[in-house]
Amino acid sequence: HLLQFEQLIRKIAGRGFRYYGFYGCYCGLGGQGRPQDATDRCCFVHDCC
């Protein structure tokens, strides 16, 4: 299932999930500050749930 998730992200975003592991302030481990853009905001919202 993880492979399918990777393929979905790559198809929609044009980049694999590894790219987002260090993206912005909230994608990946931890997080602080203001989200940098809509993608980072999505990671922030996910971290809050």
PDB file of N, CA and C in Angstrom:
ATOM      1  N   HIS A   1       0.802  -1.201   0.000  1.00  0.00           N
ATOM      2  CA  HIS A   1       0.000   0.000   0.000  1.00  0.00           C
ATOM      3  C   HIS A   1       0.850   1.273   0.000  1.00  0.00           C
ATOM      4  N   LEU A   2       2.014   1.187   0.597  1.00  0.00           N
ATOM      5  CA  LEU A   2       2.896   2.353   0.613  1.00  0.00           C
ATOM      6  C   LEU A   2       3.362   2.702  -0.798  1.00  0.00           C
ATOM      7  N   LEU A   3       3.612   1.704  -1.604  1.00  0.00           N
ATOM      8  CA  LEU A   3       4.010   1.942  -2.994  1.00  0.00           C
ATOM      9  C   LEU A   3       2.894   2.638  -3.768  1.00  0.00           C
ATOM     10  N   GLN A   4       1.659   2.239  -3.539  1.00  0.00           N
ATOM     11  CA  GLN A   4       0.524   2.886  -4.200  1.00  0.00           C
ATOM     12  C   GLN A   4       0.403   4.340  -3.749  1.00  0.00           C
ATOM     13  N   PHE A   5       0.653   4.589  -2.465  1.00  0.00           N
ATOM     14  CA  PHE A   5       0.603   5.954  -1.941  1.00  0.00           C
ATOM     15  C   PHE A   5       1.678   6.813  -2.600  1.00  0.00           C
ATOM     16  N   GLU A   6       2.880   6.257  -2.734  1.00  0.00           N
ATOM     17  CA  GLU A   6       3.975   6.962  -3.414  1.00  0.00           C
ATOM     18  C   GLU A   6       3.582   7.297  -4.850  1.00  0.00           C
ATOM     19  N   GLN A   7       2.988   6.352  -5.553  1.00  0.00           N
ATOM     20  CA  GLN A   7       2.580   6.573  -6.936  1.00  0.00           C
ATOM     21  C   GLN A   7       1.504   7.651  -7.029  1.00  0.00           C
ATOM     22  N   LEU A   8       0.577   7.666  -6.091  1.00  0.00           N
ATOM     23  CA  LEU A   8      -0.477   8.677  -6.064  1.00  0.00           C
ATOM     24  C   LEU A   8       0.112  10.073  -5.862  1.00  0.00           C
ATOM     25  N   ILE A   9       0.996  10.204  -4.902  1.00  0.00           N
ATOM     26  CA  ILE A   9       1.634  11.503  -4.639  1.00  0.00           C
ATOM     27  C   ILE A   9       2.424  11.955  -5.864  1.00  0.00           C
ATOM     28  N   ARG A  10       3.176  11.037  -6.448  1.00  0.00           N
ATOM     29  CA  ARG A  10       3.987  11.385  -7.624  1.00  0.00           C
ATOM     30  C   ARG A  10       3.104  11.825  -8.788  1.00  0.00           C
ATOM     31  N   LYS A  11       1.975  11.159  -8.976  1.00  0.00           N
ATOM     32  CA  LYS A  11       1.072  11.501 -10.076  1.00  0.00           C
ATOM     33  C   LYS A  11       0.434  12.869  -9.862  1.00  0.00           C
ATOM     34  N   ILE A  12       0.005  13.153  -8.644  1.00  0.00           N
ATOM     35  CA  ILE A  12      -0.688  14.411  -8.358  1.00  0.00           C
ATOM     36  C   ILE A  12       0.289  15.577  -8.204  1.00  0.00           C
ATOM     37  N   ALA A  13       1.342  15.374  -7.426  1.00  0.00           N
ATOM     38  CA  ALA A  13       2.252  16.472  -7.094  1.00  0.00           C
ATOM     39  C   ALA A  13       3.467  16.552  -8.013  1.00  0.00           C
ATOM     40  N   GLY A  14       3.748  15.476  -8.722  1.00  0.00           N
ATOM     41  CA  GLY A  14       4.910  15.485  -9.597  1.00  0.00           C
ATOM     42  C   GLY A  14       6.215  15.181  -8.889  1.00  0.00           C
ATOM     43  N   ARG A  15       6.140  14.860  -7.594  1.00  0.00           N
ATOM     44  CA  ARG A  15       7.327  14.533  -6.802  1.00  0.00           C
ATOM     45  C   ARG A  15       6.976  13.403  -5.851  1.00  0.00           C
ATOM     46  N   GLY A  16       7.965  12.600  -5.512  1.00  0.00           N
ATOM     47  CA  GLY A  16       7.744  11.494  -4.593  1.00  0.00           C
ATOM     48  C   GLY A  16       7.651  11.962  -3.151  1.00  0.00           C
ATOM     49  N   PHE A  17       7.195  11.069  -2.279  1.00  0.00           N
ATOM     50  CA  PHE A  17       6.996  11.450  -0.880  1.00  0.00           C
ATOM     51  C   PHE A  17       8.300  11.767  -0.167  1.00  0.00           C
ATOM     52  N   ARG A  18       9.427  11.236  -0.633  1.00  0.00           N
ATOM     53  CA  ARG A  18      10.703  11.534   0.025  1.00  0.00           C
ATOM     54  C   ARG A  18      11.055  13.019  -0.076  1.00  0.00           C
ATOM     55  N   TYR A  19      10.636  13.651  -1.155  1.00  0.00           N
ATOM     56  CA  TYR A  19      10.876  15.087  -1.330  1.00  0.00           C
ATOM     57  C   TYR A  19      10.244  15.877  -0.190  1.00  0.00           C
ATOM     58  N   TYR A  20       9.086  15.430   0.255  1.00  0.00           N
ATOM     59  CA  TYR A  20       8.340  16.162   1.270  1.00  0.00           C
ATOM     60  C   TYR A  20       8.790  15.861   2.694  1.00  0.00           C
ATOM     61  N   GLY A  21       9.712  14.949   2.875  1.00  0.00           N
ATOM     62  CA  GLY A  21      10.222  14.628   4.204  1.00  0.00           C
ATOM     63  C   GLY A  21      10.967  15.785   4.851  1.00  0.00           C
ATOM     64  N   PHE A  22      11.495  16.689   4.041  1.00  0.00           N
ATOM     65  CA  PHE A  22      12.252  17.839   4.555  1.00  0.00           C
ATOM     66  C   PHE A  22      11.711  19.147   3.991  1.00  0.00           C
ATOM     67  N   TYR A  23      10.445  19.159   3.635  1.00  0.00           N
ATOM     68  CA  TYR A  23       9.840  20.303   2.972  1.00  0.00           C
ATOM     69  C   TYR A  23       9.255  21.275   3.984  1.00  0.00           C
ATOM     70  N   GLY A  24       9.506  22.555   3.834  1.00  0.00           N
ATOM     71  CA  GLY A  24       8.884  23.589   4.664  1.00  0.00           C
ATOM     72  C   GLY A  24       9.172  23.428   6.146  1.00  0.00           C
ATOM     73  N   CYS A  25       8.233  23.885   6.964  1.00  0.00           N
ATOM     74  CA  CYS A  25       8.388  23.835   8.418  1.00  0.00           C
ATOM     75  C   CYS A  25       7.722  22.618   9.050  1.00  0.00           C
ATOM     76  N   TYR A  26       6.745  22.012   8.383  1.00  0.00           N
ATOM     77  CA  TYR A  26       5.942  20.968   9.018  1.00  0.00           C
ATOM     78  C   TYR A  26       5.932  19.624   8.312  1.00  0.00           C
ATOM     79  N   CYS A  27       6.412  19.536   7.109  1.00  0.00           N
ATOM     80  CA  CYS A  27       6.453  18.242   6.423  1.00  0.00           C
ATOM     81  C   CYS A  27       7.687  17.495   6.915  1.00  0.00           C
ATOM     82  N   GLY A  28       7.511  16.285   7.385  1.00  0.00           N
ATOM     83  CA  GLY A  28       8.592  15.515   7.978  1.00  0.00           C
ATOM     84  C   GLY A  28       8.453  15.521   9.489  1.00  0.00           C
ATOM     85  N   LEU A  29       9.535  15.246  10.176  1.00  0.00           N
ATOM     86  CA  LEU A  29       9.502  15.167  11.635  1.00  0.00           C
ATOM     87  C   LEU A  29       9.460  16.549  12.262  1.00  0.00           C
ATOM     88  N   GLY A  30       8.682  16.670  13.323  1.00  0.00           N
ATOM     89  CA  GLY A  30       8.613  17.919  14.066  1.00  0.00           C
ATOM     90  C   GLY A  30       7.919  19.022  13.304  1.00  0.00           C
ATOM     91  N   GLY A  31       8.161  20.236  13.740  1.00  0.00           N
ATOM     92  CA  GLY A  31       7.586  21.393  13.080  1.00  0.00           C
ATOM     93  C   GLY A  31       7.456  22.567  14.018  1.00  0.00           C
ATOM     94  N   GLN A  32       7.725  23.738  13.492  1.00  0.00           N
ATOM     95  CA  GLN A  32       7.564  24.966  14.261  1.00  0.00           C
ATOM     96  C   GLN A  32       7.514  26.147  13.311  1.00  0.00           C
ATOM     97  N   GLY A  33       6.996  27.261  13.792  1.00  0.00           N
ATOM     98  CA  GLY A  33       6.897  28.453  12.964  1.00  0.00           C
ATOM     99  C   GLY A  33       5.625  28.472  12.143  1.00  0.00           C
ATOM    100  N   ARG A  34       5.600  29.347  11.147  1.00  0.00           N
ATOM    101  CA  ARG A  34       4.440  29.471  10.256  1.00  0.00           C
ATOM    102  C   ARG A  34       4.615  28.582   9.039  1.00  0.00           C
ATOM    103  N   PRO A  35       3.548  27.904   8.621  1.00  0.00           N
ATOM    104  CA  PRO A  35       3.626  27.129   7.381  1.00  0.00           C
ATOM    105  C   PRO A  35       4.027  28.041   6.215  1.00  0.00           C
ATOM    106  N   GLN A  36       4.897  27.558   5.347  1.00  0.00           N
ATOM    107  CA  GLN A  36       5.455  28.360   4.261  1.00  0.00           C
ATOM    108  C   GLN A  36       4.519  28.526   3.069  1.00  0.00           C
ATOM    109  N   ASP A  37       3.665  27.530   2.823  1.00  0.00           N
ATOM    110  CA  ASP A  37       2.759  27.580   1.675  1.00  0.00           C
ATOM    111  C   ASP A  37       1.634  26.572   1.900  1.00  0.00           C
ATOM    112  N   ALA A  38       0.817  26.360   0.886  1.00  0.00           N
ATOM    113  CA  ALA A  38      -0.344  25.471   1.024  1.00  0.00           C
ATOM    114  C   ALA A  38       0.073  24.033   1.329  1.00  0.00           C
ATOM    115  N   THR A  39       1.151  23.571   0.733  1.00  0.00           N
ATOM    116  CA  THR A  39       1.617  22.211   0.994  1.00  0.00           C
ATOM    117  C   THR A  39       2.083  22.079   2.432  1.00  0.00           C
ATOM    118  N   ASP A  40       2.842  23.035   2.898  1.00  0.00           N
ATOM    119  CA  ASP A  40       3.321  23.025   4.277  1.00  0.00           C
ATOM    120  C   ASP A  40       2.145  23.143   5.249  1.00  0.00           C
ATOM    121  N   ARG A  41       1.138  23.914   4.884  1.00  0.00           N
ATOM    122  CA  ARG A  41      -0.070  24.049   5.719  1.00  0.00           C
ATOM    123  C   ARG A  41      -0.787  22.705   5.832  1.00  0.00           C
ATOM    124  N   CYS A  42      -0.835  21.956   4.761  1.00  0.00           N
ATOM    125  CA  CYS A  42      -1.433  20.622   4.788  1.00  0.00           C
ATOM    126  C   CYS A  42      -0.687  19.734   5.782  1.00  0.00           C
ATOM    127  N   CYS A  43       0.626  19.785   5.774  1.00  0.00           N
ATOM    128  CA  CYS A  43       1.417  19.013   6.734  1.00  0.00           C
ATOM    129  C   CYS A  43       1.147  19.491   8.158  1.00  0.00           C
ATOM    130  N   PHE A  44       1.005  20.796   8.347  1.00  0.00           N
ATOM    131  CA  PHE A  44       0.692  21.365   9.660  1.00  0.00           C
ATOM    132  C   PHE A  44      -0.641  20.833  10.176  1.00  0.00           C
ATOM    133  N   VAL A  45      -1.658  20.861   9.329  1.00  0.00           N
ATOM    134  CA  VAL A  45      -2.988  20.369   9.715  1.00  0.00           C
ATOM    135  C   VAL A  45      -2.908  18.888  10.069  1.00  0.00           C
ATOM    136  N   HIS A  46      -2.158  18.129   9.290  1.00  0.00           N
ATOM    137  CA  HIS A  46      -1.989  16.700   9.576  1.00  0.00           C
ATOM    138  C   HIS A  46      -1.311  16.502  10.928  1.00  0.00           C
ATOM    139  N   ASP A  47      -0.296  17.312  11.238  1.00  0.00           N
ATOM    140  CA  ASP A  47       0.400  17.202  12.521  1.00  0.00           C
ATOM    141  C   ASP A  47      -0.524  17.507  13.695  1.00  0.00           C
ATOM    142  N   CYS A  48      -1.516  18.353  13.474  1.00  0.00           N
ATOM    143  CA  CYS A  48      -2.430  18.756  14.550  1.00  0.00           C
ATOM    144  C   CYS A  48      -3.483  17.698  14.876  1.00  0.00           C
ATOM    145  N   CYS A  49      -3.708  16.744  13.981  1.00  0.00           N
ATOM    146  CA  CYS A  49      -4.774  15.768  14.252  1.00  0.00           C
ATOM    147  C   CYS A  49      -4.285  14.591  15.061  1.00  0.00           C
TER     148      CYS A  49
END
